[in-house]
Amino acid sequence: MGYPTHGTDLPLSTSGGQERNDGKLTVVGAGPGDVELITLKAIKALQSADVVLYDALIDPKLMEYAPQADQIFVGKRKGCYSYQQEQINELIVSLGRTHGHVVRLKGGDPFVFGRGAEEMEYAAANGLEVAMVPGISSCLAVPASQQIPVTKRGLTESFWVITGTTKDHRLSSDVRLAAKSNATVVILMGMGKLQEITTLFKEGGKGDTPVAIIQNGTMKNEKVAIGTIKTIDREVVKQKVSNPAIIIIGEVVRHRQAMNRLSETIASRELLAV
């Protein structure tokens, strides 16, 4: 049985079913979403790929860098799986042996909640050469694209990056610890746990702490909800924000508001000067 391919008319097997001994896996970070935020090294990896296995959050335009490769969608979204993780692992090894260079294209940085390390371990244990190309993580780039620094001198000295949902579908216990600190808290995959998250911060007396939630960060269809721990639920409904989104909690969110006010003031001055 063959594997479904997308974006190419090439046959899946180019080796007549013969296994190769020079199989290689390169796990590649595609960045936060905007195609211009992929790295040059990532592009070079795509250009040398024989097969590309890509995820759900990858912009299809990135596939233009690998027109010579078979392109297979293996994305996983909540409640919808093209392949289970174990199948992806096996697919990597199988295609590495029959095709050669397999590029596993993953959103953001593959080592930040991306399971890239697991896939590399499996491939290496089965005889493939492995390499990794880091990507720009959404936990940094998405807030930055909305003028929200995760650290700011005199305001916050550190930041937490936490998964909102653990492998057993529970809220990470680290969120409770982070809520007790003065650090910026960045939560990925946490929209389904938003009410639990805000409850923890309210219990810590942080109901007025600013919050930003950014859906489809750095993309043209980006949506942003800004509020506080007390009000963010209403803002999410008002702005129709849902997954995939990143939650940023902390005083640094005010920097965005300050920059917006400054931009409005400058624009007003320029208008009056005309």
C-alpha atoms as a PDB file:
ATOM      1  CA  MET A   1       0.000   0.000   0.000  1.00  0.00           C
ATOM      2  CA  GLY A   2       1.437   3.394  -0.997  1.00  0.00           C
ATOM      3  CA  TYR A   3       1.470   6.571   1.069  1.00  0.00           C
ATOM      4  CA  PRO A   4      -0.585   9.621   0.024  1.00  0.00           C
ATOM      5  CA  THR A   5       1.537  12.356  -1.500  1.00  0.00           C
ATOM      6  CA  HIS A   6       0.722  15.998  -2.102  1.00  0.00           C
ATOM      7  CA  GLY A   7       2.189  18.699  -4.290  1.00  0.00           C
ATOM      8  CA  THR A   8       4.077  16.398  -6.675  1.00  0.00           C
ATOM      9  CA  ASP A   9       3.381  14.096  -9.605  1.00  0.00           C
ATOM     10  CA  LEU A  10       6.484  12.022  -8.876  1.00  0.00           C
ATOM     11  CA  PRO A  11       5.918   8.387  -7.908  1.00  0.00           C
ATOM     12  CA  LEU A  12       6.495   7.744  -4.230  1.00  0.00           C
ATOM     13  CA  SER A  13       9.211   5.149  -4.829  1.00  0.00           C
ATOM     14  CA  THR A  14      12.153   6.055  -7.055  1.00  0.00           C
ATOM     15  CA  SER A  15      14.308   3.094  -6.112  1.00  0.00           C
ATOM     16  CA  GLY A  16      12.231   0.200  -7.373  1.00  0.00           C
ATOM     17  CA  GLY A  17      11.547  -0.900  -3.817  1.00  0.00           C
ATOM     18  CA  GLN A  18      15.266  -1.405  -3.126  1.00  0.00           C
ATOM     19  CA  GLU A  19      16.466  -0.222   0.270  1.00  0.00           C
ATOM     20  CA  ARG A  20      19.312   2.278   0.445  1.00  0.00           C
ATOM     21  CA  ASN A  21      22.073   2.376   3.002  1.00  0.00           C
ATOM     22  CA  ASP A  22      22.506   6.141   3.015  1.00  0.00           C
ATOM     23  CA  GLY A  23      19.163   7.180   4.454  1.00  0.00           C
ATOM     24  CA  LYS A  24      19.089  10.476   6.302  1.00  0.00           C
ATOM     25  CA  LEU A  25      16.563  12.396   8.398  1.00  0.00           C
ATOM     26  CA  THR A  26      16.773  16.157   8.791  1.00  0.00           C
ATOM     27  CA  VAL A  27      14.306  17.623  11.254  1.00  0.00           C
ATOM     28  CA  VAL A  28      13.654  21.207  10.157  1.00  0.00           C
ATOM     29  CA  GLY A  29      11.982  24.081  11.975  1.00  0.00           C
ATOM     30  CA  ALA A  30       9.762  26.126   9.649  1.00  0.00           C
ATOM     31  CA  GLY A  31       9.327  29.061  12.027  1.00  0.00           C
ATOM     32  CA  PRO A  32       6.136  30.545  13.460  1.00  0.00           C
ATOM     33  CA  GLY A  33       4.070  30.751  10.283  1.00  0.00           C
ATOM     34  CA  ASP A  34       5.203  33.601   8.046  1.00  0.00           C
ATOM     35  CA  VAL A  35       7.108  31.977   5.172  1.00  0.00           C
ATOM     36  CA  GLU A  36       9.723  34.745   5.313  1.00  0.00           C
ATOM     37  CA  LEU A  37      10.699  33.656   8.832  1.00  0.00           C
ATOM     38  CA  ILE A  38      12.142  30.330   7.739  1.00  0.00           C
ATOM     39  CA  THR A  39      15.948  30.182   7.836  1.00  0.00           C
ATOM     40  CA  LEU A  40      18.321  29.892   4.884  1.00  0.00           C
ATOM     41  CA  LYS A  41      19.623  26.597   6.260  1.00  0.00           C
ATOM     42  CA  ALA A  42      16.080  25.232   6.355  1.00  0.00           C
ATOM     43  CA  ILE A  43      15.553  26.217   2.721  1.00  0.00           C
ATOM     44  CA  LYS A  44      18.775  24.431   1.735  1.00  0.00           C
ATOM     45  CA  ALA A  45      17.555  21.296   3.516  1.00  0.00           C
ATOM     46  CA  LEU A  46      14.258  21.417   1.609  1.00  0.00           C
ATOM     47  CA  GLN A  47      16.092  21.887  -1.677  1.00  0.00           C
ATOM     48  CA  SER A  48      18.106  18.725  -1.040  1.00  0.00           C
ATOM     49  CA  ALA A  49      15.185  16.599   0.160  1.00  0.00           C
ATOM     50  CA  ASP A  50      13.936  13.488  -1.570  1.00  0.00           C
ATOM     51  CA  VAL A  51      10.824  13.396   0.619  1.00  0.00           C
ATOM     52  CA  VAL A  52       9.230  16.053   2.828  1.00  0.00           C
ATOM     53  CA  LEU A  53       6.889  15.088   5.669  1.00  0.00           C
ATOM     54  CA  TYR A  54       5.130  18.257   6.770  1.00  0.00           C
ATOM     55  CA  ASP A  55       2.798  19.291   9.580  1.00  0.00           C
ATOM     56  CA  ALA A  56      -0.584  21.003   9.708  1.00  0.00           C
ATOM     57  CA  LEU A  57       0.697  24.480  10.606  1.00  0.00           C
ATOM     58  CA  ILE A  58       3.103  24.686   7.667  1.00  0.00           C
ATOM     59  CA  ASP A  59       2.355  27.274   4.985  1.00  0.00           C
ATOM     60  CA  PRO A  60       2.003  25.338   1.690  1.00  0.00           C
ATOM     61  CA  LYS A  61       4.172  27.966  -0.025  1.00  0.00           C
ATOM     62  CA  LEU A  62       7.200  26.468   1.707  1.00  0.00           C
ATOM     63  CA  MET A  63       6.746  23.369  -0.435  1.00  0.00           C
ATOM     64  CA  GLU A  64       7.882  25.440  -3.406  1.00  0.00           C
ATOM     65  CA  TYR A  65      11.422  25.067  -2.064  1.00  0.00           C
ATOM     66  CA  ALA A  66      11.203  21.307  -2.595  1.00  0.00           C
ATOM     67  CA  PRO A  67       9.554  20.791  -6.021  1.00  0.00           C
ATOM     68  CA  GLN A  68      11.693  17.729  -6.660  1.00  0.00           C
ATOM     69  CA  ALA A  69      10.592  15.933  -3.488  1.00  0.00           C
ATOM     70  CA  ASP A  70       7.622  13.749  -2.689  1.00  0.00           C
ATOM     71  CA  GLN A  71       5.505  15.725  -0.235  1.00  0.00           C
ATOM     72  CA  ILE A  72       3.457  13.908   2.380  1.00  0.00           C
ATOM     73  CA  PHE A  73       1.101  15.574   4.844  1.00  0.00           C
ATOM     74  CA  VAL A  74       1.371  14.007   8.296  1.00  0.00           C
ATOM     75  CA  GLY A  75      -0.202  16.806  10.310  1.00  0.00           C
ATOM     76  CA  LYS A  76      -1.916  16.310  13.627  1.00  0.00           C
ATOM     77  CA  ARG A  77      -4.599  18.716  14.825  1.00  0.00           C
ATOM     78  CA  LYS A  78      -6.889  18.321  17.797  1.00  0.00           C
ATOM     79  CA  GLY A  79      -9.174  15.365  17.120  1.00  0.00           C
ATOM     80  CA  CYS A  80      -7.795  14.805  13.615  1.00  0.00           C
ATOM     81  CA  TYR A  81      -4.757  12.688  12.797  1.00  0.00           C
ATOM     82  CA  SER A  82      -3.425  11.846   9.334  1.00  0.00           C
ATOM     83  CA  TYR A  83      -0.905   9.556  11.029  1.00  0.00           C
ATOM     84  CA  GLN A  84      -0.296   8.558  14.619  1.00  0.00           C
ATOM     85  CA  GLN A  85       3.156   9.458  15.938  1.00  0.00           C
ATOM     86  CA  GLU A  86       4.301   5.840  15.832  1.00  0.00           C
ATOM     87  CA  GLN A  87       3.309   5.660  12.165  1.00  0.00           C
ATOM     88  CA  ILE A  88       5.249   8.845  11.418  1.00  0.00           C
ATOM     89  CA  ASN A  89       8.348   7.376  13.053  1.00  0.00           C
ATOM     90  CA  GLU A  90       8.060   4.229  10.957  1.00  0.00           C
ATOM     91  CA  LEU A  91       7.384   6.254   7.812  1.00  0.00           C
ATOM     92  CA  ILE A  92      10.556   8.285   8.341  1.00  0.00           C
ATOM     93  CA  VAL A  93      12.685   5.129   8.551  1.00  0.00           C
ATOM     94  CA  SER A  94      10.958   3.406   5.643  1.00  0.00           C
ATOM     95  CA  LEU A  95      11.306   6.408   3.323  1.00  0.00           C
ATOM     96  CA  GLY A  96      14.861   7.047   4.435  1.00  0.00           C
ATOM     97  CA  ARG A  97      15.798   3.524   3.374  1.00  0.00           C
ATOM     98  CA  THR A  98      13.996   3.666   0.021  1.00  0.00           C
ATOM     99  CA  HIS A  99      14.385   7.330  -0.977  1.00  0.00           C
ATOM    100  CA  GLY A 100      17.409   8.796   0.808  1.00  0.00           C
ATOM    101  CA  HIS A 101      17.002  12.233   2.387  1.00  0.00           C
ATOM    102  CA  VAL A 102      13.824  12.720   4.413  1.00  0.00           C
ATOM    103  CA  VAL A 103      13.058  16.226   5.668  1.00  0.00           C
ATOM    104  CA  ARG A 104      10.625  16.389   8.568  1.00  0.00           C
ATOM    105  CA  LEU A 105       9.230  19.929   8.370  1.00  0.00           C
ATOM    106  CA  LYS A 106       7.708  21.094  11.639  1.00  0.00           C
ATOM    107  CA  GLY A 107       6.262  24.423  12.746  1.00  0.00           C
ATOM    108  CA  GLY A 108       8.249  26.741  15.011  1.00  0.00           C
ATOM    109  CA  ASP A 109      11.281  25.023  16.487  1.00  0.00           C
ATOM    110  CA  PRO A 110      11.088  21.200  16.524  1.00  0.00           C
ATOM    111  CA  PHE A 111      12.688  21.017  19.974  1.00  0.00           C
ATOM    112  CA  VAL A 112      10.050  23.251  21.601  1.00  0.00           C
ATOM    113  CA  PHE A 113       7.088  20.916  22.189  1.00  0.00           C
ATOM    114  CA  GLY A 114       7.607  19.585  18.670  1.00  0.00           C
ATOM    115  CA  ARG A 115       8.592  15.926  19.259  1.00  0.00           C
ATOM    116  CA  GLY A 116      11.528  16.436  16.930  1.00  0.00           C
ATOM    117  CA  ALA A 117      13.891  14.825  19.432  1.00  0.00           C
ATOM    118  CA  GLU A 118      11.725  11.685  19.581  1.00  0.00           C
ATOM    119  CA  GLU A 119      11.717  11.326  15.809  1.00  0.00           C
ATOM    120  CA  MET A 120      15.491  11.767  15.618  1.00  0.00           C
ATOM    121  CA  GLU A 121      16.036   9.143  18.321  1.00  0.00           C
ATOM    122  CA  TYR A 122      13.852   6.634  16.491  1.00  0.00           C
ATOM    123  CA  ALA A 123      15.535   7.293  13.152  1.00  0.00           C
ATOM    124  CA  ALA A 124      19.047   7.017  14.619  1.00  0.00           C
ATOM    125  CA  ALA A 125      18.156   3.797  16.439  1.00  0.00           C
ATOM    126  CA  ASN A 126      17.105   2.356  13.093  1.00  0.00           C
ATOM    127  CA  GLY A 127      20.279   3.248  11.269  1.00  0.00           C
ATOM    128  CA  LEU A 128      19.520   6.601   9.655  1.00  0.00           C
ATOM    129  CA  GLU A 129      21.888   9.550   9.767  1.00  0.00           C
ATOM    130  CA  VAL A 130      20.177  12.431  11.568  1.00  0.00           C
ATOM    131  CA  ALA A 131      20.501  16.214  11.563  1.00  0.00           C
ATOM    132  CA  MET A 132      18.520  19.109  12.953  1.00  0.00           C
ATOM    133  CA  VAL A 133      17.914  22.636  11.637  1.00  0.00           C
ATOM    134  CA  PRO A 134      16.537  24.916  14.385  1.00  0.00           C
ATOM    135  CA  GLY A 135      13.562  27.128  13.660  1.00  0.00           C
ATOM    136  CA  ILE A 136      12.385  30.440  15.067  1.00  0.00           C
ATOM    137  CA  SER A 137      10.103  29.423  17.901  1.00  0.00           C
ATOM    138  CA  SER A 138       6.590  30.823  18.004  1.00  0.00           C
ATOM    139  CA  CYS A 139       6.969  31.350  21.754  1.00  0.00           C
ATOM    140  CA  LEU A 140       9.356  34.222  20.960  1.00  0.00           C
ATOM    141  CA  ALA A 141       8.422  35.338  17.465  1.00  0.00           C
ATOM    142  CA  VAL A 142       4.641  35.566  17.847  1.00  0.00           C
ATOM    143  CA  PRO A 143       4.731  37.937  20.852  1.00  0.00           C
ATOM    144  CA  ALA A 144       7.526  39.924  19.181  1.00  0.00           C
ATOM    145  CA  SER A 145       5.476  40.322  15.996  1.00  0.00           C
ATOM    146  CA  GLN A 146       2.853  42.071  18.144  1.00  0.00           C
ATOM    147  CA  GLN A 147       5.495  44.232  19.880  1.00  0.00           C
ATOM    148  CA  ILE A 148       5.415  42.192  23.062  1.00  0.00           C
ATOM    149  CA  PRO A 149       8.903  41.444  24.427  1.00  0.00           C
ATOM    150  CA  VAL A 150       9.079  38.388  26.666  1.00  0.00           C
ATOM    151  CA  THR A 151      11.669  40.215  28.792  1.00  0.00           C
ATOM    152  CA  LYS A 152      12.143  43.937  29.392  1.00  0.00           C
ATOM    153  CA  ARG A 153      14.737  45.580  31.579  1.00  0.00           C
ATOM    154  CA  GLY A 154      13.258  46.822  34.834  1.00  0.00           C
ATOM    155  CA  LEU A 155      10.036  44.922  34.258  1.00  0.00           C
ATOM    156  CA  THR A 156      10.728  41.202  34.044  1.00  0.00           C
ATOM    157  CA  GLU A 157      13.913  39.190  34.364  1.00  0.00           C
ATOM    158  CA  SER A 158      12.784  35.837  32.987  1.00  0.00           C
ATOM    159  CA  PHE A 159      10.062  34.003  31.125  1.00  0.00           C
ATOM    160  CA  TRP A 160       8.412  30.601  31.272  1.00  0.00           C
ATOM    161  CA  VAL A 161       7.404  28.639  28.198  1.00  0.00           C
ATOM    162  CA  ILE A 162       4.854  25.993  29.149  1.00  0.00           C
ATOM    163  CA  THR A 163       2.638  23.552  27.329  1.00  0.00           C
ATOM    164  CA  GLY A 164      -0.963  24.158  28.250  1.00  0.00           C
ATOM    165  CA  THR A 165      -1.947  20.533  27.803  1.00  0.00           C
ATOM    166  CA  THR A 166       0.195  17.577  28.847  1.00  0.00           C
ATOM    167  CA  LYS A 167       0.205  14.163  27.162  1.00  0.00           C
ATOM    168  CA  ASP A 168      -2.546  13.019  29.558  1.00  0.00           C
ATOM    169  CA  HIS A 169      -4.642  16.069  28.542  1.00  0.00           C
ATOM    170  CA  ARG A 170      -4.233  17.882  31.843  1.00  0.00           C
ATOM    171  CA  LEU A 171      -3.039  21.412  32.551  1.00  0.00           C
ATOM    172  CA  SER A 172       0.674  21.423  33.281  1.00  0.00           C
ATOM    173  CA  SER A 173       1.453  21.788  36.996  1.00  0.00           C
ATOM    174  CA  ASP A 174       4.170  24.257  35.990  1.00  0.00           C
ATOM    175  CA  VAL A 175       1.466  26.851  35.291  1.00  0.00           C
ATOM    176  CA  ARG A 176       0.693  27.052  39.015  1.00  0.00           C
ATOM    177  CA  LEU A 177       4.385  27.554  39.778  1.00  0.00           C
ATOM    178  CA  ALA A 178       4.746  30.185  37.063  1.00  0.00           C
ATOM    179  CA  ALA A 179       1.723  32.078  38.366  1.00  0.00           C
ATOM    180  CA  LYS A 180       3.596  32.652  41.624  1.00  0.00           C
ATOM    181  CA  SER A 181       6.527  34.333  39.914  1.00  0.00           C
ATOM    182  CA  ASN A 182       7.014  37.765  38.361  1.00  0.00           C
ATOM    183  CA  ALA A 183       8.129  36.212  35.093  1.00  0.00           C
ATOM    184  CA  THR A 184       6.402  36.481  31.748  1.00  0.00           C
ATOM    185  CA  VAL A 185       4.398  33.303  31.122  1.00  0.00           C
ATOM    186  CA  VAL A 186       4.023  32.036  27.557  1.00  0.00           C
ATOM    187  CA  ILE A 187       1.630  29.108  27.175  1.00  0.00           C
ATOM    188  CA  LEU A 188       1.405  27.049  24.002  1.00  0.00           C
ATOM    189  CA  MET A 189      -1.562  24.796  23.230  1.00  0.00           C
ATOM    190  CA  GLY A 190      -3.474  26.253  26.161  1.00  0.00           C
ATOM    191  CA  MET A 191      -6.736  27.600  24.770  1.00  0.00           C
ATOM    192  CA  GLY A 192      -8.674  24.562  25.922  1.00  0.00           C
ATOM    193  CA  LYS A 193      -7.426  25.233  29.451  1.00  0.00           C
ATOM    194  CA  LEU A 194      -7.874  29.016  29.467  1.00  0.00           C
ATOM    195  CA  GLN A 195     -10.419  29.060  32.274  1.00  0.00           C
ATOM    196  CA  GLU A 196      -8.212  26.862  34.465  1.00  0.00           C
ATOM    197  CA  ILE A 197      -5.227  29.100  33.731  1.00  0.00           C
ATOM    198  CA  THR A 198      -6.997  32.329  34.636  1.00  0.00           C
ATOM    199  CA  THR A 199      -8.368  30.735  37.806  1.00  0.00           C
ATOM    200  CA  LEU A 200      -4.832  29.942  38.992  1.00  0.00           C
ATOM    201  CA  PHE A 201      -3.708  33.520  38.431  1.00  0.00           C
ATOM    202  CA  LYS A 202      -6.791  34.929  40.149  1.00  0.00           C
ATOM    203  CA  GLU A 203      -6.094  32.720  43.168  1.00  0.00           C
ATOM    204  CA  GLY A 204      -2.652  34.324  43.292  1.00  0.00           C
ATOM    205  CA  GLY A 205      -4.108  37.815  43.381  1.00  0.00           C
ATOM    206  CA  LYS A 206      -3.127  38.583  39.787  1.00  0.00           C
ATOM    207  CA  GLY A 207      -6.504  39.367  38.296  1.00  0.00           C
ATOM    208  CA  ASP A 208      -5.256  42.655  36.823  1.00  0.00           C
ATOM    209  CA  THR A 209      -2.223  41.135  35.111  1.00  0.00           C
ATOM    210  CA  PRO A 210      -2.264  41.885  31.359  1.00  0.00           C
ATOM    211  CA  VAL A 211      -2.866  39.033  28.914  1.00  0.00           C
ATOM    212  CA  ALA A 212      -2.496  38.761  25.154  1.00  0.00           C
ATOM    213  CA  ILE A 213      -3.758  35.837  23.114  1.00  0.00           C
ATOM    214  CA  ILE A 214      -2.589  35.601  19.517  1.00  0.00           C
ATOM    215  CA  GLN A 215      -4.083  33.198  17.009  1.00  0.00           C
ATOM    216  CA  ASN A 216      -2.240  32.338  13.772  1.00  0.00           C
ATOM    217  CA  GLY A 217       0.655  34.534  14.806  1.00  0.00           C
ATOM    218  CA  THR A 218       2.710  36.222  12.025  1.00  0.00           C
ATOM    219  CA  MET A 219       0.128  35.121   9.437  1.00  0.00           C
ATOM    220  CA  LYS A 220      -2.275  37.233   7.383  1.00  0.00           C
ATOM    221  CA  ASN A 221      -5.250  35.739   9.232  1.00  0.00           C
ATOM    222  CA  GLU A 222      -3.793  36.613  12.647  1.00  0.00           C
ATOM    223  CA  LYS A 223      -6.215  37.527  15.436  1.00  0.00           C
ATOM    224  CA  VAL A 224      -5.367  39.214  18.737  1.00  0.00           C
ATOM    225  CA  ALA A 225      -7.245  39.506  22.017  1.00  0.00           C
ATOM    226  CA  ILE A 226      -5.887  41.830  24.706  1.00  0.00           C
ATOM    227  CA  GLY A 227      -7.186  42.034  28.259  1.00  0.00           C
ATOM    228  CA  THR A 228      -6.381  41.060  31.806  1.00  0.00           C
ATOM    229  CA  ILE A 229      -6.728  37.822  33.714  1.00  0.00           C
ATOM    230  CA  LYS A 230     -10.186  39.034  34.760  1.00  0.00           C
ATOM    231  CA  THR A 231     -11.349  40.104  31.299  1.00  0.00           C
ATOM    232  CA  ILE A 232      -9.575  37.933  28.746  1.00  0.00           C
ATOM    233  CA  ASP A 233     -12.413  35.391  28.488  1.00  0.00           C
ATOM    234  CA  ARG A 234     -14.740  38.129  27.216  1.00  0.00           C
ATOM    235  CA  GLU A 235     -12.105  39.479  24.824  1.00  0.00           C
ATOM    236  CA  VAL A 236     -11.531  36.029  23.338  1.00  0.00           C
ATOM    237  CA  VAL A 237     -15.244  35.750  22.553  1.00  0.00           C
ATOM    238  CA  LYS A 238     -15.379  39.320  21.244  1.00  0.00           C
ATOM    239  CA  GLN A 239     -12.401  38.878  18.910  1.00  0.00           C
ATOM    240  CA  LYS A 240     -13.395  35.295  17.970  1.00  0.00           C
ATOM    241  CA  VAL A 241      -9.983  33.921  18.896  1.00  0.00           C
ATOM    242  CA  SER A 242      -9.467  30.159  19.007  1.00  0.00           C
ATOM    243  CA  ASN A 243      -6.763  27.570  18.342  1.00  0.00           C
ATOM    244  CA  PRO A 244      -3.992  27.604  17.284  1.00  0.00           C
ATOM    245  CA  ALA A 245      -3.086  30.414  19.653  1.00  0.00           C
ATOM    246  CA  ILE A 246      -0.403  31.503  22.083  1.00  0.00           C
ATOM    247  CA  ILE A 247      -1.171  32.971  25.513  1.00  0.00           C
ATOM    248  CA  ILE A 248       1.167  35.623  26.927  1.00  0.00           C
ATOM    249  CA  ILE A 249       0.685  36.673  30.545  1.00  0.00           C
ATOM    250  CA  GLY A 250       2.658  39.460  32.171  1.00  0.00           C
ATOM    251  CA  GLU A 251       3.386  43.158  32.437  1.00  0.00           C
ATOM    252  CA  VAL A 252       5.303  43.049  29.141  1.00  0.00           C
ATOM    253  CA  VAL A 253       1.940  43.040  27.331  1.00  0.00           C
ATOM    254  CA  ARG A 254       1.633  46.722  28.284  1.00  0.00           C
ATOM    255  CA  HIS A 255       4.604  47.473  26.020  1.00  0.00           C
ATOM    256  CA  ARG A 256       2.399  46.761  23.010  1.00  0.00           C
ATOM    257  CA  GLN A 257      -0.218  49.181  24.270  1.00  0.00           C
ATOM    258  CA  ALA A 258       2.407  51.847  24.925  1.00  0.00           C
ATOM    259  CA  MET A 259       3.856  51.444  21.426  1.00  0.00           C
ATOM    260  CA  ASN A 260       0.404  51.696  19.879  1.00  0.00           C
ATOM    261  CA  ARG A 261      -0.276  54.920  21.763  1.00  0.00           C
ATOM    262  CA  LEU A 262       3.077  56.294  20.662  1.00  0.00           C
ATOM    263  CA  SER A 263       2.356  55.422  17.041  1.00  0.00           C
ATOM    264  CA  GLU A 264      -1.049  57.123  17.258  1.00  0.00           C
ATOM    265  CA  THR A 265       0.523  60.254  18.749  1.00  0.00           C
ATOM    266  CA  ILE A 266       3.146  60.438  15.996  1.00  0.00           C
ATOM    267  CA  ALA A 267       0.503  59.911  13.316  1.00  0.00           C
ATOM    268  CA  SER A 268      -1.630  62.712  14.813  1.00  0.00           C
ATOM    269  CA  ARG A 269       1.335  65.103  14.838  1.00  0.00           C
ATOM    270  CA  GLU A 270       2.122  64.316  11.220  1.00  0.00           C
ATOM    271  CA  LEU A 271      -1.501  64.887  10.242  1.00  0.00           C
ATOM    272  CA  LEU A 272      -1.558  68.278  11.970  1.00  0.00           C
ATOM    273  CA  ALA A 273       1.676  69.262  10.271  1.00  0.00           C
ATOM    274  CA  VAL A 274       0.211  68.692   6.789  1.00  0.00           C
END
